[in-house]
């Protein structure tokens, strides 16, 4: 389906290697609004899906096998269509400088796992969809 063919909602690509976390995010995002949620389990898969489906926003786990979120974000930023795409970094390694590192690596925003308050994620997503 081409981007212009969509009915209503925005397309969000969730890139997360942990199946349980993917499923929780899928459920939470669908309950937040009229979002079409697409799932990928690693960065390589995410690049393939994003190239075809052109999501409006990506929630990107940074630590994954095959191709991590850092590499995937860089690859997306190197495309014409992905250079301004909102990418929210998601990581369990919530160290003090991780947010700064994620933003300087090309991510648009950052959220630490586990997500305790989904209202924070909702606000971050809505900020990009205004």
N, C-alpha and C. Protein backbone atom coordinates (compact mmCIF):
# COMPACT_ATOMS: atom_id res chain seq x y z
N UNK A 1 0.85 -1.17 0.00
CA UNK A 1 0.00 0.00 0.00
C UNK A 1 0.90 1.24 0.00
N UNK A 2 0.66 2.14 -0.90
CA UNK A 2 1.44 3.36 -0.96
C UNK A 2 1.00 4.30 0.16
N UNK A 3 1.87 5.22 0.52
CA UNK A 3 1.58 6.11 1.63
C UNK A 3 0.28 6.88 1.41
N UNK A 4 0.02 7.33 0.22
CA UNK A 4 -1.18 8.10 -0.07
C UNK A 4 -2.45 7.27 -0.05
N UNK A 5 -2.34 5.94 -0.10
CA UNK A 5 -3.50 5.06 -0.15
C UNK A 5 -4.06 4.74 1.23
N UNK A 6 -3.42 5.19 2.28
CA UNK A 6 -3.82 4.84 3.63
C UNK A 6 -5.14 5.44 4.04
N UNK A 7 -5.84 4.70 4.84
CA UNK A 7 -7.09 5.20 5.41
C UNK A 7 -6.74 5.81 6.77
N UNK A 8 -7.02 7.07 6.94
CA UNK A 8 -6.93 7.70 8.25
C UNK A 8 -5.58 7.80 8.90
N UNK A 9 -5.24 6.83 9.74
CA UNK A 9 -4.14 6.94 10.68
C UNK A 9 -2.74 6.94 10.12
N UNK A 10 -1.83 7.23 11.01
CA UNK A 10 -0.40 7.26 10.70
C UNK A 10 0.18 5.86 10.88
N UNK A 11 1.24 5.58 10.13
CA UNK A 11 1.92 4.29 10.21
C UNK A 11 3.14 4.42 11.11
N UNK A 12 3.19 3.56 12.11
CA UNK A 12 4.32 3.52 13.05
C UNK A 12 5.01 2.17 12.91
N UNK A 13 6.32 2.21 12.69
CA UNK A 13 7.12 0.99 12.64
C UNK A 13 7.79 0.81 14.00
N UNK A 14 7.54 -0.32 14.64
CA UNK A 14 8.17 -0.66 15.91
C UNK A 14 9.28 -1.67 15.62
N UNK A 15 10.51 -1.30 15.97
CA UNK A 15 11.67 -2.16 15.74
C UNK A 15 12.19 -2.59 17.12
N UNK A 16 12.00 -3.85 17.44
CA UNK A 16 12.31 -4.36 18.79
C UNK A 16 12.57 -5.86 18.69
N UNK A 17 13.69 -6.32 19.23
CA UNK A 17 14.03 -7.75 19.13
C UNK A 17 13.30 -8.61 20.15
N UNK A 18 12.79 -8.02 21.22
CA UNK A 18 12.08 -8.79 22.23
C UNK A 18 10.61 -8.90 21.86
N UNK A 19 10.15 -10.14 21.64
CA UNK A 19 8.79 -10.37 21.17
C UNK A 19 7.74 -9.82 22.14
N UNK A 20 7.94 -10.03 23.44
CA UNK A 20 6.97 -9.54 24.43
C UNK A 20 6.86 -8.01 24.37
N UNK A 21 8.00 -7.34 24.29
CA UNK A 21 8.01 -5.87 24.22
C UNK A 21 7.33 -5.40 22.95
N UNK A 22 7.58 -6.09 21.82
CA UNK A 22 6.92 -5.75 20.54
C UNK A 22 5.41 -5.84 20.68
N UNK A 23 4.94 -6.94 21.28
CA UNK A 23 3.49 -7.15 21.42
C UNK A 23 2.85 -6.11 22.35
N UNK A 24 3.54 -5.77 23.43
CA UNK A 24 3.03 -4.76 24.36
C UNK A 24 2.94 -3.41 23.64
N UNK A 25 3.99 -3.07 22.89
CA UNK A 25 3.97 -1.80 22.15
C UNK A 25 2.87 -1.79 21.10
N UNK A 26 2.69 -2.90 20.41
CA UNK A 26 1.62 -3.01 19.41
C UNK A 26 0.27 -2.70 20.08
N UNK A 27 -0.01 -3.38 21.18
CA UNK A 27 -1.27 -3.20 21.90
C UNK A 27 -1.43 -1.75 22.38
N UNK A 28 -0.38 -1.21 23.01
CA UNK A 28 -0.44 0.14 23.57
C UNK A 28 -0.64 1.18 22.47
N UNK A 29 0.09 1.05 21.38
CA UNK A 29 -0.02 2.03 20.28
C UNK A 29 -1.41 1.98 19.64
N UNK A 30 -1.94 0.78 19.45
CA UNK A 30 -3.27 0.66 18.86
C UNK A 30 -4.34 1.26 19.77
N UNK A 31 -4.12 1.21 21.09
CA UNK A 31 -5.10 1.79 22.00
C UNK A 31 -4.92 3.31 22.14
N UNK A 32 -3.81 3.86 21.65
CA UNK A 32 -3.53 5.30 21.77
C UNK A 32 -4.20 6.12 20.68
N UNK A 33 -4.42 5.51 19.53
CA UNK A 33 -4.95 6.30 18.43
C UNK A 33 -5.13 5.48 17.18
N UNK A 34 -5.44 6.17 16.11
CA UNK A 34 -5.70 5.52 14.83
C UNK A 34 -4.37 5.27 14.11
N UNK A 35 -3.56 4.38 14.67
CA UNK A 35 -2.24 4.09 14.12
C UNK A 35 -2.22 2.71 13.47
N UNK A 36 -1.59 2.65 12.31
CA UNK A 36 -1.29 1.35 11.71
C UNK A 36 0.10 1.00 12.22
N UNK A 37 0.21 -0.10 12.95
CA UNK A 37 1.47 -0.48 13.56
C UNK A 37 2.08 -1.64 12.79
N UNK A 38 3.33 -1.46 12.38
CA UNK A 38 4.08 -2.47 11.65
C UNK A 38 5.25 -2.88 12.55
N UNK A 39 5.56 -4.18 12.58
CA UNK A 39 6.58 -4.69 13.50
C UNK A 39 7.79 -5.24 12.76
N UNK A 40 8.98 -5.02 13.34
CA UNK A 40 10.22 -5.61 12.84
C UNK A 40 11.02 -6.07 14.05
N UNK A 41 11.77 -7.18 13.88
CA UNK A 41 12.51 -7.73 15.01
C UNK A 41 14.00 -7.40 15.00
N UNK A 42 14.48 -6.75 13.94
CA UNK A 42 15.87 -6.29 13.91
C UNK A 42 16.01 -5.17 12.88
N UNK A 43 17.16 -4.54 12.86
CA UNK A 43 17.37 -3.39 11.99
C UNK A 43 17.33 -3.70 10.51
N UNK A 44 17.85 -4.86 10.13
CA UNK A 44 17.84 -5.24 8.71
C UNK A 44 16.40 -5.38 8.21
N UNK A 45 15.59 -6.07 9.00
CA UNK A 45 14.18 -6.24 8.67
C UNK A 45 13.48 -4.87 8.65
N UNK A 46 13.83 -4.02 9.60
CA UNK A 46 13.23 -2.68 9.67
C UNK A 46 13.52 -1.86 8.42
N UNK A 47 14.76 -1.93 7.94
CA UNK A 47 15.12 -1.19 6.72
C UNK A 47 14.30 -1.67 5.52
N UNK A 48 14.16 -2.98 5.41
CA UNK A 48 13.38 -3.55 4.30
C UNK A 48 11.93 -3.10 4.38
N UNK A 49 11.34 -3.20 5.57
CA UNK A 49 9.94 -2.81 5.77
C UNK A 49 9.77 -1.31 5.54
N UNK A 50 10.66 -0.50 6.11
CA UNK A 50 10.55 0.95 5.99
C UNK A 50 10.68 1.40 4.54
N UNK A 51 11.55 0.75 3.78
CA UNK A 51 11.73 1.10 2.38
C UNK A 51 10.45 0.88 1.59
N UNK A 52 9.74 -0.20 1.93
CA UNK A 52 8.48 -0.52 1.23
C UNK A 52 7.30 0.26 1.77
N UNK A 53 7.17 0.34 3.10
CA UNK A 53 5.94 0.88 3.70
C UNK A 53 6.01 2.36 4.07
N UNK A 54 7.21 2.93 4.07
CA UNK A 54 7.40 4.35 4.40
C UNK A 54 6.59 4.79 5.63
N UNK A 55 7.01 4.36 6.80
CA UNK A 55 6.28 4.73 8.02
C UNK A 55 6.37 6.24 8.28
N UNK A 56 5.43 6.72 9.09
CA UNK A 56 5.43 8.14 9.48
C UNK A 56 6.31 8.38 10.70
N UNK A 57 6.61 7.30 11.44
CA UNK A 57 7.42 7.39 12.64
C UNK A 57 7.96 6.00 12.94
N UNK A 58 9.17 5.95 13.53
CA UNK A 58 9.76 4.67 13.93
C UNK A 58 10.10 4.72 15.41
N UNK A 59 9.76 3.65 16.11
CA UNK A 59 10.21 3.45 17.48
C UNK A 59 11.31 2.40 17.39
N UNK A 60 12.54 2.78 17.70
CA UNK A 60 13.72 1.98 17.39
C UNK A 60 14.46 1.53 18.64
N UNK A 61 14.47 0.22 18.88
CA UNK A 61 15.33 -0.33 19.91
C UNK A 61 16.77 -0.14 19.43
N UNK A 62 17.66 0.22 20.32
CA UNK A 62 19.04 0.48 19.90
C UNK A 62 19.92 -0.76 19.97
N UNK A 63 19.60 -1.67 20.89
CA UNK A 63 20.43 -2.88 21.06
C UNK A 63 19.68 -4.09 20.52
N UNK A 64 20.09 -4.54 19.31
CA UNK A 64 19.44 -5.69 18.67
C UNK A 64 20.48 -6.52 17.92
N UNK A 65 20.18 -7.80 17.71
CA UNK A 65 21.06 -8.62 16.88
C UNK A 65 20.86 -8.28 15.39
N UNK A 66 21.67 -8.83 14.54
CA UNK A 66 21.65 -8.68 13.08
C UNK A 66 22.12 -7.28 12.69
N UNK A 67 21.31 -6.27 12.98
CA UNK A 67 21.68 -4.88 12.71
C UNK A 67 21.06 -4.05 13.83
N UNK A 68 21.89 -3.35 14.60
CA UNK A 68 21.36 -2.62 15.75
C UNK A 68 20.69 -1.31 15.33
N UNK A 69 20.07 -0.66 16.30
CA UNK A 69 19.35 0.57 16.05
C UNK A 69 20.23 1.73 15.62
N UNK A 70 21.48 1.73 16.10
CA UNK A 70 22.42 2.80 15.70
C UNK A 70 22.67 2.72 14.20
N UNK A 71 23.03 1.54 13.72
CA UNK A 71 23.31 1.34 12.28
C UNK A 71 22.07 1.60 11.44
N UNK A 72 20.93 1.12 11.91
CA UNK A 72 19.68 1.27 11.18
C UNK A 72 19.30 2.75 11.05
N UNK A 73 19.44 3.48 12.14
CA UNK A 73 19.13 4.92 12.11
C UNK A 73 20.03 5.63 11.11
N UNK A 74 21.32 5.30 11.13
CA UNK A 74 22.26 5.92 10.19
C UNK A 74 21.86 5.60 8.74
N UNK A 75 21.52 4.34 8.48
CA UNK A 75 21.11 3.94 7.13
C UNK A 75 19.84 4.67 6.70
N UNK A 76 18.89 4.84 7.60
CA UNK A 76 17.66 5.57 7.28
C UNK A 76 17.96 7.04 6.98
N UNK A 77 18.85 7.62 7.78
CA UNK A 77 19.20 9.03 7.60
C UNK A 77 19.93 9.27 6.27
N UNK A 78 20.54 8.23 5.72
CA UNK A 78 21.24 8.33 4.44
C UNK A 78 20.32 8.23 3.23
N UNK A 79 19.01 8.03 3.45
CA UNK A 79 18.06 7.96 2.34
C UNK A 79 17.36 9.32 2.21
N UNK A 80 16.87 9.62 1.02
CA UNK A 80 16.13 10.88 0.82
C UNK A 80 14.87 10.91 1.66
N UNK A 81 14.12 9.81 1.67
CA UNK A 81 12.84 9.78 2.37
C UNK A 81 12.99 9.61 3.88
N UNK A 82 14.14 9.13 4.35
CA UNK A 82 14.31 8.88 5.79
C UNK A 82 15.10 9.92 6.54
N UNK A 83 15.62 10.92 5.82
CA UNK A 83 16.50 11.87 6.51
C UNK A 83 15.79 12.72 7.56
N UNK A 84 14.47 12.94 7.39
CA UNK A 84 13.72 13.74 8.38
C UNK A 84 12.65 12.92 9.10
N UNK A 85 12.69 11.62 8.92
CA UNK A 85 11.71 10.72 9.54
C UNK A 85 11.87 10.73 11.06
N UNK A 86 10.78 10.94 11.81
CA UNK A 86 10.89 10.89 13.27
C UNK A 86 11.26 9.47 13.74
N UNK A 87 12.34 9.38 14.51
CA UNK A 87 12.79 8.11 15.08
C UNK A 87 12.94 8.30 16.58
N UNK A 88 12.14 7.53 17.33
CA UNK A 88 12.24 7.57 18.79
C UNK A 88 13.08 6.37 19.23
N UNK A 89 14.23 6.66 19.82
CA UNK A 89 15.12 5.61 20.32
C UNK A 89 14.51 4.99 21.57
N UNK A 90 14.68 3.68 21.68
CA UNK A 90 14.16 2.92 22.81
C UNK A 90 15.28 2.03 23.31
N UNK A 91 15.68 2.20 24.57
CA UNK A 91 16.76 1.37 25.08
C UNK A 91 16.63 1.09 26.57
N UNK A 92 17.04 -0.11 26.94
CA UNK A 92 17.03 -0.50 28.35
C UNK A 92 18.31 -0.04 29.05
N UNK A 93 19.32 0.27 28.28
CA UNK A 93 20.59 0.74 28.84
C UNK A 93 20.48 2.24 29.13
N UNK A 94 19.62 2.58 30.09
CA UNK A 94 19.35 3.99 30.36
C UNK A 94 20.46 4.62 31.19
N UNK A 95 21.58 4.81 30.56
CA UNK A 95 22.71 5.47 31.20
C UNK A 95 22.55 6.97 30.98
N UNK A 96 23.27 7.74 31.77
CA UNK A 96 23.13 9.18 31.75
C UNK A 96 23.30 9.80 30.36
N UNK A 97 24.27 9.32 29.60
CA UNK A 97 24.56 9.95 28.31
C UNK A 97 23.88 9.26 27.13
N UNK A 98 23.06 8.23 27.38
CA UNK A 98 22.42 7.51 26.28
C UNK A 98 21.49 8.39 25.46
N UNK A 99 20.73 9.25 26.13
CA UNK A 99 19.82 10.12 25.39
C UNK A 99 20.62 11.03 24.46
N UNK A 100 21.66 11.63 24.99
CA UNK A 100 22.54 12.51 24.20
C UNK A 100 23.15 11.74 23.02
N UNK A 101 23.61 10.52 23.29
CA UNK A 101 24.19 9.68 22.24
C UNK A 101 23.17 9.36 21.15
N UNK A 102 21.96 9.01 21.56
CA UNK A 102 20.91 8.67 20.61
C UNK A 102 20.55 9.87 19.74
N UNK A 103 20.44 11.03 20.34
CA UNK A 103 20.09 12.24 19.58
C UNK A 103 21.22 12.61 18.62
N UNK A 104 22.46 12.48 19.06
CA UNK A 104 23.57 12.82 18.16
C UNK A 104 23.76 11.77 17.07
N UNK A 105 23.22 10.57 17.27
CA UNK A 105 23.31 9.52 16.25
C UNK A 105 22.19 9.65 15.21
N UNK A 106 21.30 10.62 15.39
CA UNK A 106 20.26 10.85 14.40
C UNK A 106 18.85 10.56 14.85
N UNK A 107 18.69 10.09 16.09
CA UNK A 107 17.34 9.85 16.60
C UNK A 107 16.69 11.19 16.93
N UNK A 108 15.38 11.25 16.79
CA UNK A 108 14.63 12.49 17.01
C UNK A 108 14.24 12.67 18.47
N UNK A 109 14.12 11.55 19.19
CA UNK A 109 13.72 11.58 20.59
C UNK A 109 14.17 10.27 21.23
N UNK A 110 13.89 10.12 22.51
CA UNK A 110 14.45 9.00 23.28
C UNK A 110 13.48 8.63 24.40
N UNK A 111 13.37 7.33 24.64
CA UNK A 111 12.61 6.87 25.80
C UNK A 111 13.29 5.61 26.35
N UNK A 112 13.38 5.52 27.69
CA UNK A 112 14.03 4.39 28.33
C UNK A 112 13.04 3.25 28.53
N UNK A 113 13.56 2.00 28.44
CA UNK A 113 12.76 0.80 28.74
C UNK A 113 13.11 0.35 30.15
N UNK A 114 12.22 -0.29 30.84
CA UNK A 114 10.84 -0.51 30.43
C UNK A 114 10.05 0.80 30.51
N UNK A 115 9.08 0.93 29.64
CA UNK A 115 8.25 2.14 29.63
C UNK A 115 7.25 2.00 30.77
N UNK A 116 7.39 2.85 31.75
CA UNK A 116 6.51 2.79 32.92
C UNK A 116 5.26 3.63 32.72
N UNK A 117 5.38 4.70 31.96
CA UNK A 117 4.27 5.62 31.77
C UNK A 117 4.04 5.81 30.27
N UNK A 118 3.03 5.13 29.75
CA UNK A 118 2.77 5.19 28.31
C UNK A 118 2.23 6.55 27.87
N UNK A 119 1.81 7.38 28.83
CA UNK A 119 1.39 8.74 28.49
C UNK A 119 2.59 9.53 27.96
N UNK A 120 3.79 9.22 28.47
CA UNK A 120 5.02 9.88 27.99
C UNK A 120 5.26 9.50 26.52
N UNK A 121 5.14 8.22 26.20
CA UNK A 121 5.31 7.77 24.81
C UNK A 121 4.25 8.42 23.91
N UNK A 122 3.02 8.47 24.40
CA UNK A 122 1.93 9.08 23.62
C UNK A 122 2.24 10.54 23.31
N UNK A 123 2.71 11.28 24.31
CA UNK A 123 3.06 12.70 24.10
C UNK A 123 4.19 12.84 23.10
N UNK A 124 5.18 11.97 23.18
CA UNK A 124 6.32 12.04 22.25
C UNK A 124 5.86 11.76 20.81
N UNK A 125 5.00 10.78 20.64
CA UNK A 125 4.48 10.45 19.30
C UNK A 125 3.64 11.61 18.76
N UNK A 126 2.73 12.10 19.58
CA UNK A 126 1.82 13.16 19.14
C UNK A 126 2.57 14.44 18.77
N UNK A 127 3.71 14.68 19.42
CA UNK A 127 4.54 15.85 19.11
C UNK A 127 4.96 15.83 17.63
N UNK A 128 5.21 14.64 17.10
CA UNK A 128 5.64 14.51 15.70
C UNK A 128 4.48 14.52 14.72
N UNK A 129 3.27 14.29 15.20
CA UNK A 129 2.11 14.20 14.32
C UNK A 129 1.24 15.45 14.32
N UNK A 130 1.73 16.53 14.91
CA UNK A 130 0.96 17.78 14.91
C UNK A 130 0.99 18.41 13.56
